[in-house]
């Protein structure tokens, strides 16, 4: 259960966005031993640096804002509707290089 929500329940993920001035904000929408669904929320200029997850696949889906996906040796633009799959061990990150808030849905399986 998340914030009083009993799943399965339709919801708008962006309504649960949490922003922080000191670092990326996070909100967990659902968590089980098999799956983690959450939001990564960025103010302009914030970044979640290049990192990798051992034994976990991750899907990012951009809900609002613009920025760049950080990948080994390159950066790829992100905008609403764009999705990135980062398989087990693949380095990835996000930077909000825009002027608006950035909200990204993150799905990890299995849950870390």
N, C-alpha and C. Protein backbone atom coordinates (compact mmCIF):
# COMPACT_ATOMS: atom_id res chain seq x y z
N UNK A 1 0.85 -1.17 0.00
CA UNK A 1 0.00 0.00 0.00
C UNK A 1 0.90 1.24 0.00
N UNK A 2 0.53 2.26 -0.76
CA UNK A 2 1.32 3.47 -0.88
C UNK A 2 0.47 4.67 -0.49
N UNK A 3 0.88 5.41 0.53
CA UNK A 3 0.19 6.63 0.91
C UNK A 3 -1.31 6.48 1.01
N UNK A 4 -1.78 5.36 1.53
CA UNK A 4 -3.21 5.13 1.66
C UNK A 4 -3.86 4.53 0.44
N UNK A 5 -3.09 4.32 -0.64
CA UNK A 5 -3.64 3.72 -1.86
C UNK A 5 -3.53 2.22 -1.76
N UNK A 6 -4.65 1.54 -1.94
CA UNK A 6 -4.65 0.07 -1.94
C UNK A 6 -4.66 -0.38 -3.39
N UNK A 7 -3.61 -1.10 -3.78
CA UNK A 7 -3.49 -1.56 -5.16
C UNK A 7 -4.27 -2.86 -5.34
N UNK A 8 -4.88 -3.11 -6.48
CA UNK A 8 -4.79 -2.30 -7.70
C UNK A 8 -5.79 -1.13 -7.69
N UNK A 9 -5.26 0.05 -8.01
CA UNK A 9 -6.06 1.27 -8.12
C UNK A 9 -5.45 2.13 -9.22
N UNK A 10 -6.25 2.58 -10.18
CA UNK A 10 -5.70 3.51 -11.19
C UNK A 10 -5.24 4.80 -10.51
N UNK A 11 -4.13 5.34 -10.98
CA UNK A 11 -3.63 6.59 -10.41
C UNK A 11 -2.83 7.34 -11.45
N UNK A 12 -2.63 8.61 -11.19
CA UNK A 12 -1.76 9.45 -12.01
C UNK A 12 -0.46 9.61 -11.25
N UNK A 13 0.61 8.95 -11.71
CA UNK A 13 1.86 8.95 -10.95
C UNK A 13 2.37 10.34 -10.60
N UNK A 14 2.26 11.28 -11.53
CA UNK A 14 2.83 12.62 -11.30
C UNK A 14 2.18 13.34 -10.12
N UNK A 15 0.98 12.91 -9.71
CA UNK A 15 0.32 13.51 -8.55
C UNK A 15 1.08 13.20 -7.26
N UNK A 16 1.98 12.23 -7.28
CA UNK A 16 2.74 11.83 -6.10
C UNK A 16 4.18 12.34 -6.13
N UNK A 17 4.49 13.22 -7.06
CA UNK A 17 5.85 13.75 -7.20
C UNK A 17 6.29 14.47 -5.93
N UNK A 18 7.55 14.24 -5.55
CA UNK A 18 8.16 14.87 -4.38
C UNK A 18 9.43 15.55 -4.85
N UNK A 19 9.55 16.85 -4.59
CA UNK A 19 10.74 17.60 -4.99
C UNK A 19 11.50 18.05 -3.76
N UNK A 20 12.83 18.05 -3.88
CA UNK A 20 13.70 18.51 -2.81
C UNK A 20 14.67 19.53 -3.39
N UNK A 21 15.09 20.48 -2.58
CA UNK A 21 16.04 21.47 -3.06
C UNK A 21 17.48 20.95 -3.03
N UNK A 22 17.78 19.98 -2.15
CA UNK A 22 19.15 19.52 -1.97
C UNK A 22 19.54 18.35 -2.86
N UNK A 23 18.56 17.56 -3.33
CA UNK A 23 18.85 16.41 -4.19
C UNK A 23 17.57 15.92 -4.85
N UNK A 24 17.72 14.94 -5.73
CA UNK A 24 16.58 14.34 -6.42
C UNK A 24 15.55 13.88 -5.39
N UNK A 25 14.28 14.16 -5.68
CA UNK A 25 13.20 13.65 -4.84
C UNK A 25 12.76 12.28 -5.33
N UNK A 26 12.29 11.45 -4.38
CA UNK A 26 11.83 10.10 -4.72
C UNK A 26 10.48 9.85 -4.07
N UNK A 27 9.64 9.11 -4.76
CA UNK A 27 8.37 8.67 -4.20
C UNK A 27 8.14 7.23 -4.65
N UNK A 28 7.84 6.35 -3.72
CA UNK A 28 7.55 4.96 -4.05
C UNK A 28 6.05 4.82 -4.27
N UNK A 29 5.68 4.31 -5.45
CA UNK A 29 4.28 4.10 -5.78
C UNK A 29 3.82 2.68 -5.47
N UNK A 30 4.76 1.73 -5.59
CA UNK A 30 4.47 0.33 -5.28
C UNK A 30 5.77 -0.40 -5.04
N UNK A 31 5.77 -1.31 -4.06
CA UNK A 31 6.96 -2.10 -3.81
C UNK A 31 6.58 -3.48 -3.32
N UNK A 32 7.23 -4.48 -3.91
CA UNK A 32 7.11 -5.86 -3.48
C UNK A 32 8.49 -6.49 -3.66
N UNK A 33 8.69 -7.73 -3.24
CA UNK A 33 10.00 -8.37 -3.49
C UNK A 33 10.32 -8.52 -4.97
N UNK A 34 9.32 -8.44 -5.83
CA UNK A 34 9.51 -8.65 -7.27
C UNK A 34 9.61 -7.37 -8.08
N UNK A 35 9.08 -6.25 -7.54
CA UNK A 35 8.93 -5.05 -8.35
C UNK A 35 8.97 -3.80 -7.47
N UNK A 36 9.62 -2.75 -7.99
CA UNK A 36 9.59 -1.43 -7.37
C UNK A 36 9.16 -0.44 -8.44
N UNK A 37 8.13 0.35 -8.15
CA UNK A 37 7.65 1.39 -9.05
C UNK A 37 7.71 2.70 -8.28
N UNK A 38 8.42 3.66 -8.82
CA UNK A 38 8.56 4.93 -8.12
C UNK A 38 8.77 6.09 -9.07
N UNK A 39 8.91 7.26 -8.49
CA UNK A 39 9.18 8.47 -9.24
C UNK A 39 10.53 9.02 -8.84
N UNK A 40 11.27 9.51 -9.82
CA UNK A 40 12.47 10.30 -9.60
C UNK A 40 12.13 11.72 -10.07
N UNK A 41 12.30 12.69 -9.17
CA UNK A 41 11.83 14.05 -9.43
C UNK A 41 13.00 15.03 -9.30
N UNK A 42 13.19 15.85 -10.31
CA UNK A 42 14.36 16.72 -10.39
C UNK A 42 13.96 18.17 -10.56
N UNK A 43 14.54 19.02 -9.75
CA UNK A 43 14.47 20.46 -9.98
C UNK A 43 15.48 20.79 -11.09
N UNK A 44 15.34 21.93 -11.76
CA UNK A 44 16.34 22.31 -12.77
C UNK A 44 17.75 22.26 -12.19
N UNK A 45 18.66 21.67 -12.96
CA UNK A 45 20.06 21.57 -12.56
C UNK A 45 20.41 20.33 -11.74
N UNK A 46 19.43 19.61 -11.24
CA UNK A 46 19.73 18.42 -10.44
C UNK A 46 20.08 17.23 -11.32
N UNK A 47 20.84 16.30 -10.73
CA UNK A 47 21.34 15.15 -11.48
C UNK A 47 21.39 13.92 -10.58
N UNK A 48 21.13 12.77 -11.16
CA UNK A 48 21.39 11.47 -10.52
C UNK A 48 22.48 10.85 -11.37
N UNK A 49 23.70 10.85 -10.85
CA UNK A 49 24.87 10.50 -11.63
C UNK A 49 24.87 9.07 -12.16
N UNK A 50 25.82 8.83 -13.04
CA UNK A 50 25.99 7.54 -13.70
C UNK A 50 26.18 6.45 -12.65
N UNK A 51 25.36 5.40 -12.73
CA UNK A 51 25.43 4.28 -11.79
C UNK A 51 24.84 3.05 -12.48
N UNK A 52 25.00 1.90 -11.88
CA UNK A 52 24.45 0.66 -12.43
C UNK A 52 23.88 -0.18 -11.28
N UNK A 53 22.96 -1.06 -11.62
CA UNK A 53 22.35 -1.95 -10.64
C UNK A 53 22.71 -3.39 -11.00
N UNK A 54 23.31 -4.10 -10.06
CA UNK A 54 23.63 -5.51 -10.28
C UNK A 54 22.39 -6.34 -9.99
N UNK A 55 21.99 -7.16 -10.94
CA UNK A 55 20.87 -8.06 -10.74
C UNK A 55 19.50 -7.44 -10.86
N UNK A 56 19.43 -6.19 -11.33
CA UNK A 56 18.15 -5.49 -11.47
C UNK A 56 18.07 -4.82 -12.83
N UNK A 57 16.95 -4.97 -13.50
CA UNK A 57 16.67 -4.23 -14.73
C UNK A 57 15.84 -3.01 -14.35
N UNK A 58 16.05 -1.90 -15.08
CA UNK A 58 15.34 -0.65 -14.77
C UNK A 58 14.74 -0.07 -16.03
N UNK A 59 13.54 0.44 -15.90
CA UNK A 59 12.87 1.16 -16.99
C UNK A 59 12.58 2.57 -16.50
N UNK A 60 12.97 3.56 -17.29
CA UNK A 60 12.61 4.95 -17.04
C UNK A 60 11.59 5.38 -18.09
N UNK A 61 10.54 6.07 -17.65
CA UNK A 61 9.57 6.63 -18.58
C UNK A 61 9.33 8.08 -18.16
N UNK A 62 9.63 9.01 -19.05
CA UNK A 62 9.53 10.44 -18.74
C UNK A 62 8.07 10.87 -18.76
N UNK A 63 7.62 11.45 -17.63
CA UNK A 63 6.24 11.92 -17.52
C UNK A 63 6.12 13.42 -17.78
N UNK A 64 7.10 14.20 -17.30
CA UNK A 64 7.03 15.66 -17.45
C UNK A 64 8.43 16.25 -17.44
N UNK A 65 8.62 17.32 -18.19
CA UNK A 65 9.91 18.00 -18.22
C UNK A 65 10.83 17.45 -19.29
N UNK A 66 12.04 18.02 -19.32
CA UNK A 66 13.04 17.62 -20.29
C UNK A 66 14.39 17.55 -19.60
N UNK A 67 15.27 16.75 -20.16
CA UNK A 67 16.60 16.61 -19.62
C UNK A 67 17.40 15.69 -20.50
N UNK A 68 18.38 15.01 -19.90
CA UNK A 68 19.18 14.04 -20.66
C UNK A 68 19.38 12.78 -19.83
N UNK A 69 19.35 11.65 -20.55
CA UNK A 69 19.78 10.38 -19.97
C UNK A 69 21.29 10.36 -20.05
N UNK A 70 21.93 10.03 -18.95
CA UNK A 70 23.39 9.88 -18.93
C UNK A 70 23.69 8.40 -19.16
N UNK A 71 24.47 8.13 -20.19
CA UNK A 71 24.85 6.76 -20.53
C UNK A 71 26.36 6.74 -20.71
N UNK A 72 26.96 5.57 -20.69
CA UNK A 72 28.41 5.51 -20.82
C UNK A 72 28.85 6.11 -22.16
N UNK A 73 29.62 7.20 -22.09
CA UNK A 73 30.17 7.82 -23.28
C UNK A 73 29.22 8.68 -24.07
N UNK A 74 27.98 8.85 -23.58
CA UNK A 74 27.04 9.69 -24.35
C UNK A 74 25.89 10.17 -23.47
N UNK A 75 25.19 11.16 -23.99
CA UNK A 75 23.97 11.67 -23.38
C UNK A 75 22.88 11.64 -24.44
N UNK A 76 21.67 11.26 -24.02
CA UNK A 76 20.54 11.20 -24.94
C UNK A 76 19.41 12.08 -24.41
N UNK A 77 18.78 12.88 -25.27
CA UNK A 77 17.72 13.77 -24.81
C UNK A 77 16.50 12.99 -24.31
N UNK A 78 15.84 13.58 -23.32
CA UNK A 78 14.61 12.99 -22.79
C UNK A 78 13.51 14.05 -22.78
N UNK A 79 12.31 13.60 -23.05
CA UNK A 79 11.12 14.45 -23.04
C UNK A 79 9.94 13.56 -22.72
N UNK A 80 8.79 14.16 -22.39
CA UNK A 80 7.62 13.34 -22.03
C UNK A 80 7.31 12.30 -23.11
N UNK A 81 7.07 11.08 -22.64
CA UNK A 81 6.73 9.98 -23.53
C UNK A 81 7.91 9.10 -23.91
N UNK A 82 9.14 9.57 -23.65
CA UNK A 82 10.34 8.80 -24.00
C UNK A 82 10.64 7.80 -22.88
N UNK A 83 11.04 6.59 -23.29
CA UNK A 83 11.36 5.53 -22.35
C UNK A 83 12.79 5.04 -22.60
N UNK A 84 13.46 4.63 -21.52
CA UNK A 84 14.80 4.05 -21.61
C UNK A 84 14.81 2.78 -20.77
N UNK A 85 15.36 1.71 -21.32
CA UNK A 85 15.56 0.47 -20.57
C UNK A 85 17.05 0.36 -20.24
N UNK A 86 17.36 0.20 -18.95
CA UNK A 86 18.73 0.00 -18.48
C UNK A 86 18.82 -1.40 -17.89
N UNK A 87 19.27 -2.38 -18.70
CA UNK A 87 19.36 -3.75 -18.20
C UNK A 87 20.39 -3.89 -17.08
N UNK A 88 20.32 -4.99 -16.39
CA UNK A 88 21.26 -5.37 -15.33
C UNK A 88 22.69 -4.98 -15.71
N UNK A 89 23.33 -4.16 -14.88
CA UNK A 89 24.73 -3.79 -15.09
C UNK A 89 24.99 -2.63 -16.02
N UNK A 90 23.98 -2.13 -16.74
CA UNK A 90 24.18 -1.01 -17.68
C UNK A 90 24.21 0.32 -16.92
N UNK A 91 25.26 1.08 -17.10
CA UNK A 91 25.39 2.38 -16.44
C UNK A 91 24.38 3.37 -17.01
N UNK A 92 23.75 4.14 -16.12
CA UNK A 92 22.72 5.10 -16.52
C UNK A 92 22.60 6.18 -15.45
N UNK A 93 22.01 7.30 -15.83
CA UNK A 93 21.75 8.40 -14.92
C UNK A 93 20.85 9.41 -15.60
N UNK A 94 20.53 10.48 -14.89
CA UNK A 94 19.63 11.51 -15.42
C UNK A 94 20.13 12.89 -14.99
N UNK A 95 20.02 13.86 -15.89
CA UNK A 95 20.28 15.26 -15.55
C UNK A 95 19.14 16.11 -16.07
N UNK A 96 18.64 16.98 -15.20
CA UNK A 96 17.65 17.96 -15.63
C UNK A 96 18.41 19.20 -16.07
N UNK A 97 18.61 19.33 -17.37
CA UNK A 97 19.30 20.49 -17.90
C UNK A 97 18.31 21.52 -18.44
N UNK A 98 17.03 21.33 -18.13
CA UNK A 98 16.00 22.26 -18.58
C UNK A 98 15.69 23.31 -17.53
N UNK A 99 14.63 24.07 -17.77
CA UNK A 99 14.23 25.13 -16.84
C UNK A 99 12.97 24.77 -16.05
N UNK A 100 12.45 23.58 -16.31
CA UNK A 100 11.24 23.13 -15.62
C UNK A 100 11.55 21.89 -14.81
N UNK A 101 10.64 21.54 -13.92
CA UNK A 101 10.79 20.31 -13.15
C UNK A 101 10.69 19.09 -14.07
N UNK A 102 11.41 18.04 -13.71
CA UNK A 102 11.46 16.81 -14.48
C UNK A 102 10.94 15.67 -13.59
N UNK A 103 9.97 14.91 -14.12
CA UNK A 103 9.40 13.78 -13.38
C UNK A 103 9.54 12.53 -14.24
N UNK A 104 10.19 11.50 -13.68
CA UNK A 104 10.47 10.27 -14.41
C UNK A 104 9.95 9.08 -13.60
N UNK A 105 9.13 8.26 -14.23
CA UNK A 105 8.67 7.02 -13.63
C UNK A 105 9.79 6.00 -13.72
N UNK A 106 10.11 5.34 -12.61
CA UNK A 106 11.18 4.34 -12.58
C UNK A 106 10.58 3.01 -12.14
N UNK A 107 10.84 1.96 -12.93
CA UNK A 107 10.35 0.62 -12.63
C UNK A 107 11.56 -0.30 -12.55
N UNK A 108 11.73 -0.98 -11.42
CA UNK A 108 12.88 -1.86 -11.21
C UNK A 108 12.40 -3.27 -10.89
N UNK A 109 13.01 -4.25 -11.55
CA UNK A 109 12.66 -5.64 -11.29
C UNK A 109 13.91 -6.50 -11.37
N UNK A 110 14.15 -7.38 -10.41
CA UNK A 110 13.42 -7.40 -9.16
C UNK A 110 13.74 -6.17 -8.32
N UNK A 111 12.91 -5.90 -7.32
CA UNK A 111 13.12 -4.74 -6.47
C UNK A 111 14.47 -4.85 -5.77
N UNK A 112 15.24 -3.75 -5.71
CA UNK A 112 16.54 -3.81 -5.04
C UNK A 112 16.39 -3.95 -3.53
